[in-house]
């Protein structure tokens, strides 16, 4: 399968990841679930594969945020890389839950 994404220009985040609601709300939800005692996350790989290549999907949002972290934080600062990874896990969990209810 050949992706048409190669023809699209890469768009960088215009703001720091920590002010992007996509990551902030997901990280807050992840934190709340962990504080409530949740220890596992179930992922529907079929559901994730349906959206993973979308330009506004989790893979490219993660990529843009990682570039932003590298440019603004380096190896210090907010420790953004682990935080956005946890936020992406929450998004993948939500994608999986949505597929189950469809």
PDB file of N, CA and C in Angstrom:
ATOM      1  N   UNK A   1       0.846  -1.176   0.000  1.00  0.00           N
ATOM      2  CA  UNK A   1       0.000   0.000   0.000  1.00  0.00           C
ATOM      3  C   UNK A   1       0.892   1.240   0.000  1.00  0.00           C
ATOM      4  N   UNK A   2       0.677   2.112  -0.952  1.00  0.00           N
ATOM      5  CA  UNK A   2       1.453   3.340  -1.060  1.00  0.00           C
ATOM      6  C   UNK A   2       0.612   4.488  -0.537  1.00  0.00           C
ATOM      7  N   UNK A   3       1.187   5.246   0.355  1.00  0.00           N
ATOM      8  CA  UNK A   3       0.474   6.361   0.970  1.00  0.00           C
ATOM      9  C   UNK A   3       0.605   7.607   0.120  1.00  0.00           C
ATOM     10  N   UNK A   4      -0.462   8.405   0.081  1.00  0.00           N
ATOM     11  CA  UNK A   4      -0.392   9.686  -0.619  1.00  0.00           C
ATOM     12  C   UNK A   4       0.132  10.786   0.295  1.00  0.00           C
ATOM     13  N   UNK A   5       0.535  10.417   1.510  1.00  0.00           N
ATOM     14  CA  UNK A   5       1.037  11.407   2.451  1.00  0.00           C
ATOM     15  C   UNK A   5       2.378  11.986   2.012  1.00  0.00           C
ATOM     16  N   UNK A   6       3.089  11.267   1.157  1.00  0.00           N
ATOM     17  CA  UNK A   6       4.381  11.764   0.690  1.00  0.00           C
ATOM     18  C   UNK A   6       4.223  13.063  -0.085  1.00  0.00           C
ATOM     19  N   UNK A   7       3.058  13.300  -0.648  1.00  0.00           N
ATOM     20  CA  UNK A   7       2.815  14.506  -1.442  1.00  0.00           C
ATOM     21  C   UNK A   7       2.410  15.693  -0.583  1.00  0.00           C
ATOM     22  N   UNK A   8       2.137  15.472   0.671  1.00  0.00           N
ATOM     23  CA  UNK A   8       1.675  16.541   1.550  1.00  0.00           C
ATOM     24  C   UNK A   8       2.845  17.144   2.302  1.00  0.00           C
ATOM     25  N   UNK A   9       2.816  18.447   2.447  1.00  0.00           N
ATOM     26  CA  UNK A   9       3.876  19.131   3.200  1.00  0.00           C
ATOM     27  C   UNK A   9       3.707  18.834   4.682  1.00  0.00           C
ATOM     28  N   UNK A  10       4.818  18.688   5.359  1.00  0.00           N
ATOM     29  CA  UNK A  10       4.787  18.477   6.804  1.00  0.00           C
ATOM     30  C   UNK A  10       4.446  19.797   7.489  1.00  0.00           C
ATOM     31  N   UNK A  11       3.497  19.754   8.396  1.00  0.00           N
ATOM     32  CA  UNK A  11       3.070  20.953   9.114  1.00  0.00           C
ATOM     33  C   UNK A  11       3.544  20.833  10.548  1.00  0.00           C
ATOM     34  N   UNK A  12       4.321  21.785  11.003  1.00  0.00           N
ATOM     35  CA  UNK A  12       4.832  21.746  12.378  1.00  0.00           C
ATOM     36  C   UNK A  12       3.864  22.417  13.336  1.00  0.00           C
ATOM     37  N   UNK A  13       3.949  21.992  14.579  1.00  0.00           N
ATOM     38  CA  UNK A  13       3.124  22.598  15.615  1.00  0.00           C
ATOM     39  C   UNK A  13       3.519  24.057  15.765  1.00  0.00           C
ATOM     40  N   UNK A  14       2.523  24.912  15.885  1.00  0.00           N
ATOM     41  CA  UNK A  14       2.809  26.336  16.031  1.00  0.00           C
ATOM     42  C   UNK A  14       2.863  26.746  17.497  1.00  0.00           C
ATOM     43  N   UNK A  15       2.546  25.820  18.385  1.00  0.00           N
ATOM     44  CA  UNK A  15       2.591  26.120  19.816  1.00  0.00           C
ATOM     45  C   UNK A  15       3.216  24.936  20.543  1.00  0.00           C
ATOM     46  N   UNK A  16       3.579  25.176  21.772  1.00  0.00           N
ATOM     47  CA  UNK A  16       4.176  24.128  22.580  1.00  0.00           C
ATOM     48  C   UNK A  16       3.132  23.044  22.844  1.00  0.00           C
ATOM     49  N   UNK A  17       3.581  21.797  22.881  1.00  0.00           N
ATOM     50  CA  UNK A  17       2.656  20.684  23.083  1.00  0.00           C
ATOM     51  C   UNK A  17       1.817  20.840  24.341  1.00  0.00           C
ATOM     52  N   UNK A  18       2.373  21.462  25.376  1.00  0.00           N
ATOM     53  CA  UNK A  18       1.666  21.569  26.655  1.00  0.00           C
ATOM     54  C   UNK A  18       0.515  22.568  26.613  1.00  0.00           C
ATOM     55  N   UNK A  19       0.365  23.283  25.511  1.00  0.00           N
ATOM     56  CA  UNK A  19      -0.795  24.171  25.371  1.00  0.00           C
ATOM     57  C   UNK A  19      -1.751  23.656  24.292  1.00  0.00           C
ATOM     58  N   UNK A  20      -1.514  22.447  23.810  1.00  0.00           N
ATOM     59  CA  UNK A  20      -2.375  21.832  22.803  1.00  0.00           C
ATOM     60  C   UNK A  20      -3.407  20.953  23.507  1.00  0.00           C
ATOM     61  N   UNK A  21      -4.682  21.300  23.405  1.00  0.00           N
ATOM     62  CA  UNK A  21      -5.723  20.517  24.087  1.00  0.00           C
ATOM     63  C   UNK A  21      -5.713  19.030  23.721  1.00  0.00           C
ATOM     64  N   UNK A  22      -5.289  18.686  22.525  1.00  0.00           N
ATOM     65  CA  UNK A  22      -5.227  17.287  22.104  1.00  0.00           C
ATOM     66  C   UNK A  22      -4.404  16.472  23.099  1.00  0.00           C
ATOM     67  N   UNK A  23      -3.286  17.029  23.543  1.00  0.00           N
ATOM     68  CA  UNK A  23      -2.427  16.329  24.495  1.00  0.00           C
ATOM     69  C   UNK A  23      -2.819  16.605  25.933  1.00  0.00           C
ATOM     70  N   UNK A  24      -3.170  17.837  26.246  1.00  0.00           N
ATOM     71  CA  UNK A  24      -3.478  18.209  27.628  1.00  0.00           C
ATOM     72  C   UNK A  24      -4.682  17.431  28.154  1.00  0.00           C
ATOM     73  N   UNK A  25      -5.779  17.401  27.404  1.00  0.00           N
ATOM     74  CA  UNK A  25      -6.982  16.709  27.873  1.00  0.00           C
ATOM     75  C   UNK A  25      -6.759  15.201  27.973  1.00  0.00           C
ATOM     76  N   UNK A  26      -6.035  14.640  27.003  1.00  0.00           N
ATOM     77  CA  UNK A  26      -5.766  13.202  27.049  1.00  0.00           C
ATOM     78  C   UNK A  26      -4.869  12.847  28.233  1.00  0.00           C
ATOM     79  N   UNK A  27      -3.881  13.672  28.489  1.00  0.00           N
ATOM     80  CA  UNK A  27      -2.997  13.410  29.625  1.00  0.00           C
ATOM     81  C   UNK A  27      -3.754  13.548  30.940  1.00  0.00           C
ATOM     82  N   UNK A  28      -4.634  14.532  31.030  1.00  0.00           N
ATOM     83  CA  UNK A  28      -5.474  14.680  32.226  1.00  0.00           C
ATOM     84  C   UNK A  28      -6.354  13.452  32.425  1.00  0.00           C
ATOM     85  N   UNK A  29      -6.943  12.957  31.341  1.00  0.00           N
ATOM     86  CA  UNK A  29      -7.808  11.780  31.444  1.00  0.00           C
ATOM     87  C   UNK A  29      -6.990  10.554  31.845  1.00  0.00           C
ATOM     88  N   UNK A  30      -5.816  10.398  31.241  1.00  0.00           N
ATOM     89  CA  UNK A  30      -4.936   9.285  31.601  1.00  0.00           C
ATOM     90  C   UNK A  30      -4.597   9.336  33.092  1.00  0.00           C
ATOM     91  N   UNK A  31      -4.231  10.506  33.569  1.00  0.00           N
ATOM     92  CA  UNK A  31      -3.875  10.681  34.978  1.00  0.00           C
ATOM     93  C   UNK A  31      -5.048  10.343  35.887  1.00  0.00           C
ATOM     94  N   UNK A  32      -6.247  10.787  35.508  1.00  0.00           N
ATOM     95  CA  UNK A  32      -7.439  10.488  36.305  1.00  0.00           C
ATOM     96  C   UNK A  32      -7.717   8.987  36.348  1.00  0.00           C
ATOM     97  N   UNK A  33      -7.563   8.310  35.213  1.00  0.00           N
ATOM     98  CA  UNK A  33      -7.785   6.862  35.186  1.00  0.00           C
ATOM     99  C   UNK A  33      -6.773   6.136  36.068  1.00  0.00           C
ATOM    100  N   UNK A  34      -5.519   6.547  36.006  1.00  0.00           N
ATOM    101  CA  UNK A  34      -4.494   5.917  36.846  1.00  0.00           C
ATOM    102  C   UNK A  34      -4.766   6.179  38.320  1.00  0.00           C
ATOM    103  N   UNK A  35      -5.169   7.400  38.640  1.00  0.00           N
ATOM    104  CA  UNK A  35      -5.482   7.733  40.034  1.00  0.00           C
ATOM    105  C   UNK A  35      -6.689   6.950  40.543  1.00  0.00           C
ATOM    106  N   UNK A  36      -7.568   6.570  39.628  1.00  0.00           N
ATOM    107  CA  UNK A  36      -8.744   5.777  39.994  1.00  0.00           C
ATOM    108  C   UNK A  36      -8.416   4.283  40.077  1.00  0.00           C
ATOM    109  N   UNK A  37      -7.173   3.921  39.804  1.00  0.00           N
ATOM    110  CA  UNK A  37      -6.741   2.539  39.954  1.00  0.00           C
ATOM    111  C   UNK A  37      -6.663   1.725  38.677  1.00  0.00           C
ATOM    112  N   UNK A  38      -6.937   2.318  37.533  1.00  0.00           N
ATOM    113  CA  UNK A  38      -6.857   1.550  36.291  1.00  0.00           C
ATOM    114  C   UNK A  38      -5.413   1.160  36.022  1.00  0.00           C
ATOM    115  N   UNK A  39      -5.224  -0.128  35.680  1.00  0.00           N
ATOM    116  CA  UNK A  39      -3.879  -0.636  35.451  1.00  0.00           C
ATOM    117  C   UNK A  39      -3.664  -1.155  34.041  1.00  0.00           C
ATOM    118  N   UNK A  40      -4.726  -1.301  33.272  1.00  0.00           N
ATOM    119  CA  UNK A  40      -4.591  -1.848  31.930  1.00  0.00           C
ATOM    120  C   UNK A  40      -5.286  -0.955  30.912  1.00  0.00           C
ATOM    121  N   UNK A  41      -4.884  -1.153  29.666  1.00  0.00           N
ATOM    122  CA  UNK A  41      -5.467  -0.425  28.549  1.00  0.00           C
ATOM    123  C   UNK A  41      -5.647  -1.429  27.431  1.00  0.00           C
ATOM    124  N   UNK A  42      -6.861  -1.536  26.907  1.00  0.00           N
ATOM    125  CA  UNK A  42      -7.125  -2.470  25.822  1.00  0.00           C
ATOM    126  C   UNK A  42      -7.142  -1.705  24.504  1.00  0.00           C
ATOM    127  N   UNK A  43      -6.405  -2.226  23.521  1.00  0.00           N
ATOM    128  CA  UNK A  43      -6.321  -1.560  22.230  1.00  0.00           C
ATOM    129  C   UNK A  43      -6.904  -2.448  21.138  1.00  0.00           C
ATOM    130  N   UNK A  44      -7.714  -1.848  20.283  1.00  0.00           N
ATOM    131  CA  UNK A  44      -8.279  -2.520  19.122  1.00  0.00           C
ATOM    132  C   UNK A  44      -7.385  -2.165  17.933  1.00  0.00           C
ATOM    133  N   UNK A  45      -6.543  -3.092  17.541  1.00  0.00           N
ATOM    134  CA  UNK A  45      -5.559  -2.808  16.496  1.00  0.00           C
ATOM    135  C   UNK A  45      -6.216  -2.497  15.157  1.00  0.00           C
ATOM    136  N   UNK A  46      -7.343  -3.132  14.853  1.00  0.00           N
ATOM    137  CA  UNK A  46      -8.054  -2.823  13.604  1.00  0.00           C
ATOM    138  C   UNK A  46      -8.528  -1.372  13.599  1.00  0.00           C
ATOM    139  N   UNK A  47      -9.095  -0.934  14.711  1.00  0.00           N
ATOM    140  CA  UNK A  47      -9.579   0.446  14.807  1.00  0.00           C
ATOM    141  C   UNK A  47      -8.434   1.440  14.694  1.00  0.00           C
ATOM    142  N   UNK A  48      -7.331   1.132  15.319  1.00  0.00           N
ATOM    143  CA  UNK A  48      -6.170   2.029  15.272  1.00  0.00           C
ATOM    144  C   UNK A  48      -5.614   2.102  13.859  1.00  0.00           C
ATOM    145  N   UNK A  49      -5.513   0.954  13.190  1.00  0.00           N
ATOM    146  CA  UNK A  49      -4.988   0.938  11.827  1.00  0.00           C
ATOM    147  C   UNK A  49      -5.853   1.743  10.862  1.00  0.00           C
ATOM    148  N   UNK A  50      -7.144   1.866  11.155  1.00  0.00           N
ATOM    149  CA  UNK A  50      -8.035   2.650  10.303  1.00  0.00           C
ATOM    150  C   UNK A  50      -7.697   4.138  10.317  1.00  0.00           C
ATOM    151  N   UNK A  51      -7.151   4.631  11.414  1.00  0.00           N
ATOM    152  CA  UNK A  51      -6.908   6.070  11.549  1.00  0.00           C
ATOM    153  C   UNK A  51      -5.430   6.450  11.653  1.00  0.00           C
ATOM    154  N   UNK A  52      -4.556   5.480  11.767  1.00  0.00           N
ATOM    155  CA  UNK A  52      -3.162   5.774  12.070  1.00  0.00           C
ATOM    156  C   UNK A  52      -2.473   6.615  11.000  1.00  0.00           C
ATOM    157  N   UNK A  53      -2.868   6.483   9.750  1.00  0.00           N
ATOM    158  CA  UNK A  53      -2.221   7.223   8.666  1.00  0.00           C
ATOM    159  C   UNK A  53      -2.878   8.560   8.360  1.00  0.00           C
ATOM    160  N   UNK A  54      -3.954   8.883   9.038  1.00  0.00           N
ATOM    161  CA  UNK A  54      -4.602  10.184   8.835  1.00  0.00           C
ATOM    162  C   UNK A  54      -3.658  11.290   9.275  1.00  0.00           C
ATOM    163  N   UNK A  55      -3.579  12.352   8.512  1.00  0.00           N
ATOM    164  CA  UNK A  55      -2.669  13.462   8.835  1.00  0.00           C
ATOM    165  C   UNK A  55      -2.961  14.058  10.207  1.00  0.00           C
ATOM    166  N   UNK A  56      -4.208  14.067  10.620  1.00  0.00           N
ATOM    167  CA  UNK A  56      -4.543  14.605  11.938  1.00  0.00           C
ATOM    168  C   UNK A  56      -4.703  13.490  12.970  1.00  0.00           C
ATOM    169  N   UNK A  57      -4.267  12.290  12.620  1.00  0.00           N
ATOM    170  CA  UNK A  57      -4.372  11.148  13.518  1.00  0.00           C
ATOM    171  C   UNK A  57      -3.240  11.102  14.529  1.00  0.00           C
ATOM    172  N   UNK A  58      -3.276  10.093  15.380  1.00  0.00           N
ATOM    173  CA  UNK A  58      -2.325  10.025  16.487  1.00  0.00           C
ATOM    174  C   UNK A  58      -0.862   9.927  16.073  1.00  0.00           C
ATOM    175  N   UNK A  59      -0.552   9.235  14.994  1.00  0.00           N
ATOM    176  CA  UNK A  59       0.857   9.072  14.611  1.00  0.00           C
ATOM    177  C   UNK A  59       1.492  10.402  14.233  1.00  0.00           C
ATOM    178  N   UNK A  60       0.797  11.169  13.410  1.00  0.00           N
ATOM    179  CA  UNK A  60       1.372  12.438  12.968  1.00  0.00           C
ATOM    180  C   UNK A  60       1.283  13.516  14.040  1.00  0.00           C
ATOM    181  N   UNK A  61       0.267  13.435  14.894  1.00  0.00           N
ATOM    182  CA  UNK A  61       0.215  14.359  16.030  1.00  0.00           C
ATOM    183  C   UNK A  61       1.386  14.086  16.966  1.00  0.00           C
ATOM    184  N   UNK A  62       1.684  12.816  17.198  1.00  0.00           N
ATOM    185  CA  UNK A  62       2.827  12.438  18.032  1.00  0.00           C
ATOM    186  C   UNK A  62       4.132  12.909  17.397  1.00  0.00           C
ATOM    187  N   UNK A  63       4.267  12.705  16.103  1.00  0.00           N
ATOM    188  CA  UNK A  63       5.467  13.136  15.396  1.00  0.00           C
ATOM    189  C   UNK A  63       5.670  14.644  15.536  1.00  0.00           C
ATOM    190  N   UNK A  64       4.626  15.424  15.278  1.00  0.00           N
ATOM    191  CA  UNK A  64       4.733  16.878  15.385  1.00  0.00           C
ATOM    192  C   UNK A  64       5.113  17.309  16.794  1.00  0.00           C
ATOM    193  N   UNK A  65       4.514  16.654  17.787  1.00  0.00           N
ATOM    194  CA  UNK A  65       4.821  17.003  19.172  1.00  0.00           C
ATOM    195  C   UNK A  65       6.259  16.639  19.524  1.00  0.00           C
ATOM    196  N   UNK A  66       6.741  15.514  19.036  1.00  0.00           N
ATOM    197  CA  UNK A  66       8.120  15.121  19.320  1.00  0.00           C
ATOM    198  C   UNK A  66       9.099  16.112  18.690  1.00  0.00           C
ATOM    199  N   UNK A  67       8.815  16.569  17.484  1.00  0.00           N
ATOM    200  CA  UNK A  67       9.659  17.587  16.853  1.00  0.00           C
ATOM    201  C   UNK A  67       9.655  18.848  17.711  1.00  0.00           C
ATOM    202  N   UNK A  68       8.473  19.231  18.171  1.00  0.00           N
ATOM    203  CA  UNK A  68       8.342  20.411  19.016  1.00  0.00           C
ATOM    204  C   UNK A  68       9.157  20.249  20.298  1.00  0.00           C
ATOM    205  N   UNK A  69       9.084  19.086  20.902  1.00  0.00           N
ATOM    206  CA  UNK A  69       9.839  18.820  22.136  1.00  0.00           C
ATOM    207  C   UNK A  69      11.333  18.895  21.866  1.00  0.00           C
ATOM    208  N   UNK A  70      11.769  18.297  20.797  1.00  0.00           N
ATOM    209  CA  UNK A  70      13.192  18.319  20.463  1.00  0.00           C
ATOM    210  C   UNK A  70      13.682  19.753  20.266  1.00  0.00           C
ATOM    211  N   UNK A  71      12.863  20.589  19.616  1.00  0.00           N
ATOM    212  CA  UNK A  71      13.252  21.968  19.334  1.00  0.00           C
ATOM    213  C   UNK A  71      13.175  22.870  20.560  1.00  0.00           C
ATOM    214  N   UNK A  72      12.246  22.600  21.462  1.00  0.00           N
ATOM    215  CA  UNK A  72      12.022  23.517  22.578  1.00  0.00           C
ATOM    216  C   UNK A  72      12.556  23.029  23.915  1.00  0.00           C
ATOM    217  N   UNK A  73      12.639  21.718  24.107  1.00  0.00           N
ATOM    218  CA  UNK A  73      13.027  21.184  25.401  1.00  0.00           C
ATOM    219  C   UNK A  73      14.349  20.440  25.387  1.00  0.00           C
ATOM    220  N   UNK A  74      14.675  19.820  24.286  1.00  0.00           N
ATOM    221  CA  UNK A  74      15.845  18.960  24.280  1.00  0.00           C
ATOM    222  C   UNK A  74      15.639  17.821  25.256  1.00  0.00           C
ATOM    223  N   UNK A  75      16.629  17.516  26.039  1.00  0.00           N
ATOM    224  CA  UNK A  75      16.537  16.421  27.004  1.00  0.00           C
ATOM    225  C   UNK A  75      16.101  16.895  28.393  1.00  0.00           C
ATOM    226  N   UNK A  76      15.811  18.176  28.531  1.00  0.00           N
ATOM    227  CA  UNK A  76      15.426  18.717  29.833  1.00  0.00           C
ATOM    228  C   UNK A  76      14.090  19.430  29.712  1.00  0.00           C
ATOM    229  N   UNK A  77      13.660  20.047  30.753  1.00  0.00           N
ATOM    230  CA  UNK A  77      12.432  20.830  30.696  1.00  0.00           C
ATOM    231  C   UNK A  77      11.239  20.079  31.231  1.00  0.00           C
ATOM    232  N   UNK A  78      10.167  20.082  30.476  1.00  0.00           N
ATOM    233  CA  UNK A  78       8.903  19.501  30.925  1.00  0.00           C
ATOM    234  C   UNK A  78       8.880  17.974  30.897  1.00  0.00           C
ATOM    235  N   UNK A  79       9.915  17.359  30.373  1.00  0.00           N
ATOM    236  CA  UNK A  79       9.913  15.920  30.149  1.00  0.00           C
ATOM    237  C   UNK A  79       8.716  15.559  29.272  1.00  0.00           C
ATOM    238  N   UNK A  80       8.586  16.279  28.191  1.00  0.00           N
ATOM    239  CA  UNK A  80       7.433  16.166  27.307  1.00  0.00           C
ATOM    240  C   UNK A  80       7.265  14.834  26.620  1.00  0.00           C
ATOM    241  N   UNK A  81       8.359  14.200  26.201  1.00  0.00           N
ATOM    242  CA  UNK A  81       8.241  12.957  25.437  1.00  0.00           C
ATOM    243  C   UNK A  81       7.441  11.884  26.192  1.00  0.00           C
ATOM    244  N   UNK A  82       7.757  11.587  27.456  1.00  0.00           N
ATOM    245  CA  UNK A  82       6.949  10.585  28.161  1.00  0.00           C
ATOM    246  C   UNK A  82       5.495  11.020  28.332  1.00  0.00           C
ATOM    247  N   UNK A  83       5.272  12.281  28.552  1.00  0.00           N
ATOM    248  CA  UNK A  83       3.909  12.771  28.763  1.00  0.00           C
ATOM    249  C   UNK A  83       3.066  12.663  27.506  1.00  0.00           C
ATOM    250  N   UNK A  84       3.636  13.042  26.361  1.00  0.00           N
ATOM    251  CA  UNK A  84       2.806  12.941  25.152  1.00  0.00           C
ATOM    252  C   UNK A  84       2.613  11.485  24.743  1.00  0.00           C
ATOM    253  N   UNK A  85       3.561  10.624  25.060  1.00  0.00           N
ATOM    254  CA  UNK A  85       3.358   9.203  24.781  1.00  0.00           C
ATOM    255  C   UNK A  85       2.171   8.673  25.590  1.00  0.00           C
ATOM    256  N   UNK A  86       2.078   9.048  26.858  1.00  0.00           N
ATOM    257  CA  UNK A  86       0.936   8.629  27.673  1.00  0.00           C
ATOM    258  C   UNK A  86      -0.368   9.207  27.132  1.00  0.00           C
ATOM    259  N   UNK A  87      -0.329  10.436  26.669  1.00  0.00           N
ATOM    260  CA  UNK A  87      -1.522  11.052  26.074  1.00  0.00           C
ATOM    261  C   UNK A  87      -1.941  10.299  24.809  1.00  0.00           C
ATOM    262  N   UNK A  88      -0.977   9.903  23.998  1.00  0.00           N
ATOM    263  CA  UNK A  88      -1.292   9.148  22.782  1.00  0.00           C
ATOM    264  C   UNK A  88      -1.894   7.794  23.142  1.00  0.00           C
ATOM    265  N   UNK A  89      -1.375   7.156  24.177  1.00  0.00           N
ATOM    266  CA  UNK A  89      -1.972   5.887  24.623  1.00  0.00           C
ATOM    267  C   UNK A  89      -3.439   6.079  24.982  1.00  0.00           C
ATOM    268  N   UNK A  90      -3.741   7.175  25.653  1.00  0.00           N
ATOM    269  CA  UNK A  90      -5.134   7.466  25.996  1.00  0.00           C
ATOM    270  C   UNK A  90      -5.967   7.641  24.726  1.00  0.00           C
ATOM    271  N   UNK A  91      -5.440   8.369  23.751  1.00  0.00           N
ATOM    272  CA  UNK A  91      -6.163   8.529  22.482  1.00  0.00           C
ATOM    273  C   UNK A  91      -6.379   7.184  21.794  1.00  0.00           C
ATOM    274  N   UNK A  92      -5.366   6.326  21.788  1.00  0.00           N
ATOM    275  CA  UNK A  92      -5.523   5.015  21.166  1.00  0.00           C
ATOM    276  C   UNK A  92      -6.571   4.176  21.896  1.00  0.00           C
ATOM    277  N   UNK A  93      -6.612   4.305  23.213  1.00  0.00           N
ATOM    278  CA  UNK A  93      -7.642   3.623  23.992  1.00  0.00           C
ATOM    279  C   UNK A  93      -9.031   4.127  23.646  1.00  0.00           C
ATOM    280  N   UNK A  94      -9.166   5.428  23.465  1.00  0.00           N
ATOM    281  CA  UNK A  94     -10.467   6.008  23.094  1.00  0.00           C
ATOM    282  C   UNK A  94     -10.890   5.566  21.696  1.00  0.00           C
ATOM    283  N   UNK A  95      -9.950   5.538  20.772  1.00  0.00           N
ATOM    284  CA  UNK A  95     -10.248   5.062  19.416  1.00  0.00           C
ATOM    285  C   UNK A  95     -10.756   3.623  19.489  1.00  0.00           C
ATOM    286  N   UNK A  96     -10.117   2.816  20.316  1.00  0.00           N
ATOM    287  CA  UNK A  96     -10.517   1.424  20.483  1.00  0.00           C
ATOM    288  C   UNK A  96     -11.911   1.308  21.086  1.00  0.00           C
ATOM    289  N   UNK A  97     -12.200   2.118  22.092  1.00  0.00           N
ATOM    290  CA  UNK A  97     -13.526   2.097  22.723  1.00  0.00           C
ATOM    291  C   UNK A  97     -14.611   2.521  21.747  1.00  0.00           C
ATOM    292  N   UNK A  98     -14.350   3.543  20.952  1.00  0.00           N
ATOM    293  CA  UNK A  98     -15.319   4.039  19.974  1.00  0.00           C
ATOM    294  C   UNK A  98     -15.664   2.941  18.980  1.00  0.00           C
ATOM    295  N   UNK A  99     -14.686   2.212  18.528  1.00  0.00           N
ATOM    296  CA  UNK A  99     -14.909   1.137  17.552  1.00  0.00           C
ATOM    297  C   UNK A  99     -15.804   0.063  18.155  1.00  0.00           C
ATOM    298  N   UNK A 100     -15.639  -0.222  19.442  1.00  0.00           N
ATOM    299  CA  UNK A 100     -16.442  -1.242  20.095  1.00  0.00           C
ATOM    300  C   UNK A 100     -17.909  -0.832  20.214  1.00  0.00           C
ATOM    301  N   UNK A 101     -18.168   0.469  20.312  1.00  0.00           N
ATOM    302  CA  UNK A 101     -19.550   0.942  20.456  1.00  0.00           C
ATOM    303  C   UNK A 101     -20.224   1.226  19.121  1.00  0.00           C
ATOM    304  N   UNK A 102     -19.450   1.235  18.034  1.00  0.00           N
ATOM    305  CA  UNK A 102     -20.044   1.469  16.706  1.00  0.00           C
ATOM    306  C   UNK A 102     -20.807   0.277  16.203  1.00  0.00           C
TER     307      UNK A 102
END
